[in-house]
C-alpha atoms as a PDB file:
ATOM      1  CA  MET A   1      17.072  19.981  -1.650  1.00  0.00           C
ATOM      2  CA  GLU A   2      14.463  17.488  -2.856  1.00  0.00           C
ATOM      3  CA  ILE A   3      16.677  14.542  -1.887  1.00  0.00           C
ATOM      4  CA  SER A   4      16.775  15.677   1.751  1.00  0.00           C
ATOM      5  CA  ILE A   5      12.993  16.056   1.829  1.00  0.00           C
ATOM      6  CA  THR A   6      12.597  12.604   0.298  1.00  0.00           C
ATOM      7  CA  LEU A   7      14.979  11.063   2.827  1.00  0.00           C
ATOM      8  CA  LEU A   8      13.228  12.844   5.697  1.00  0.00           C
ATOM      9  CA  ASN A   9       9.840  11.556   4.539  1.00  0.00           C
ATOM     10  CA  PHE A  10      11.301   8.062   4.158  1.00  0.00           C
ATOM     11  CA  GLY A  11      12.601   8.286   7.731  1.00  0.00           C
ATOM     12  CA  TYR A  12       9.148   9.362   8.912  1.00  0.00           C
ATOM     13  CA  ALA A  13       7.600   6.410   7.067  1.00  0.00           C
ATOM     14  CA  ILE A  14      10.025   3.979   8.726  1.00  0.00           C
ATOM     15  CA  VAL A  15       9.321   5.422  12.183  1.00  0.00           C
ATOM     16  CA  GLY A  16       5.581   5.299  11.480  1.00  0.00           C
ATOM     17  CA  ALA A  17       5.788   1.654  10.389  1.00  0.00           C
ATOM     18  CA  ILE A  18       7.750   0.713  13.507  1.00  0.00           C
ATOM     19  CA  LEU A  19       5.247   2.497  15.756  1.00  0.00           C
ATOM     20  CA  THR A  20       2.316   0.880  13.966  1.00  0.00           C
ATOM     21  CA  ILE A  21       3.807  -2.595  14.412  1.00  0.00           C
ATOM     22  CA  ALA A  22       4.519  -1.843  18.085  1.00  0.00           C
ATOM     23  CA  PHE A  23       0.905  -0.783  18.646  1.00  0.00           C
ATOM     24  CA  MET A  24      -0.317  -3.912  16.848  1.00  0.00           C
ATOM     25  CA  ILE A  25       1.744  -6.077  19.201  1.00  0.00           C
ATOM     26  CA  ILE A  26       0.406  -4.175  22.203  1.00  0.00           C
ATOM     27  CA  GLY A  27      -3.163  -4.562  20.911  1.00  0.00           C
ATOM     28  CA  TYR A  28      -2.679  -8.291  20.436  1.00  0.00           C
ATOM     29  CA  LYS A  29      -1.300  -8.651  23.972  1.00  0.00           C
ATOM     30  CA  ILE A  30      -4.262  -6.726  25.398  1.00  0.00           C
ATOM     31  CA  PHE A  31      -6.700  -8.897  23.431  1.00  0.00           C
ATOM     32  CA  ASP A  32      -4.916 -12.024  24.654  1.00  0.00           C
ATOM     33  CA  LYS A  33      -5.235 -10.870  28.289  1.00  0.00           C
ATOM     34  CA  MET A  34      -8.939  -9.998  27.867  1.00  0.00           C
ATOM     35  CA  THR A  35     -10.007 -13.367  26.499  1.00  0.00           C
ATOM     36  CA  PRO A  36     -10.471 -16.411  28.754  1.00  0.00           C
ATOM     37  CA  PHE A  37      -8.563 -18.661  26.327  1.00  0.00           C
ATOM     38  CA  ASP A  38      -4.998 -18.704  25.020  1.00  0.00           C
ATOM     39  CA  THR A  39      -5.127 -16.888  21.685  1.00  0.00           C
ATOM     40  CA  SER A  40      -1.818 -18.265  20.429  1.00  0.00           C
ATOM     41  CA  GLN A  41      -2.918 -21.832  21.132  1.00  0.00           C
ATOM     42  CA  GLN A  42      -6.225 -21.273  19.345  1.00  0.00           C
ATOM     43  CA  LEU A  43      -4.403 -19.856  16.333  1.00  0.00           C
ATOM     44  CA  ALA A  44      -2.060 -22.867  16.339  1.00  0.00           C
ATOM     45  CA  GLU A  45      -5.103 -25.137  16.333  1.00  0.00           C
ATOM     46  CA  LYS A  46      -6.354 -23.210  13.263  1.00  0.00           C
ATOM     47  CA  ASN A  47      -9.443 -21.803  14.952  1.00  0.00           C
ATOM     48  CA  MET A  48     -10.912 -19.744  12.107  1.00  0.00           C
ATOM     49  CA  ALA A  49     -13.036 -17.495  14.334  1.00  0.00           C
ATOM     50  CA  VAL A  50     -10.065 -16.411  16.443  1.00  0.00           C
ATOM     51  CA  GLY A  51      -8.026 -15.870  13.290  1.00  0.00           C
ATOM     52  CA  VAL A  52     -10.665 -13.573  11.811  1.00  0.00           C
ATOM     53  CA  VAL A  53     -10.902 -11.557  15.040  1.00  0.00           C
ATOM     54  CA  VAL A  54      -7.122 -11.208  15.384  1.00  0.00           C
ATOM     55  CA  GLY A  55      -6.835 -10.250  11.720  1.00  0.00           C
ATOM     56  CA  SER A  56      -9.554  -7.642  12.193  1.00  0.00           C
ATOM     57  CA  ILE A  57      -7.724  -6.230  15.193  1.00  0.00           C
ATOM     58  CA  PHE A  58      -4.529  -5.910  13.146  1.00  0.00           C
ATOM     59  CA  ILE A  59      -6.339  -4.245  10.243  1.00  0.00           C
ATOM     60  CA  GLY A  60      -8.205  -1.832  12.515  1.00  0.00           C
ATOM     61  CA  LEU A  61      -5.159  -0.863  14.537  1.00  0.00           C
ATOM     62  CA  GLY A  62      -3.049  -0.569  11.414  1.00  0.00           C
ATOM     63  CA  ILE A  63      -5.484   1.785   9.733  1.00  0.00           C
ATOM     64  CA  ALA A  64      -6.095   3.887  12.842  1.00  0.00           C
ATOM     65  CA  VAL A  65      -2.493   4.231  13.966  1.00  0.00           C
ATOM     66  CA  GLY A  66      -1.232   4.607  10.402  1.00  0.00           C
ATOM     67  CA  LEU A  67      -3.620   7.471   9.723  1.00  0.00           C
ATOM     68  CA  VAL A  68      -2.784   9.209  12.988  1.00  0.00           C
ATOM     69  CA  ILE A  69       0.949   8.925  12.396  1.00  0.00           C
ATOM     70  CA  GLY A  70       0.653   9.823   8.723  1.00  0.00           C
ATOM     71  CA  MET A  71      -1.434  12.924   9.393  1.00  0.00           C
ATOM     72  CA  GLY A  72       0.813  13.963  12.249  1.00  0.00           C
ATOM     73  CA  LEU A  73       3.942  13.775  10.112  1.00  0.00           C
ATOM     74  CA  ASN A  74       2.557  15.769   7.201  1.00  0.00           C
END
């Protein structure tokens, strides 16, 4: 019985991770469309300010979406 619960929770964790990554990609695309410059090009040029902002977006979205998915699955 405990193995099935463990596998079910593992499946939920995998689905949650996939959804979180998908929302991070969507958030990055939205940020890229909102800014007047090409974010990927700025990151390639090692623009530290853009890197910090993009990293902050990923951390914020990851925490928010992860908590929502985690609380919804429990």
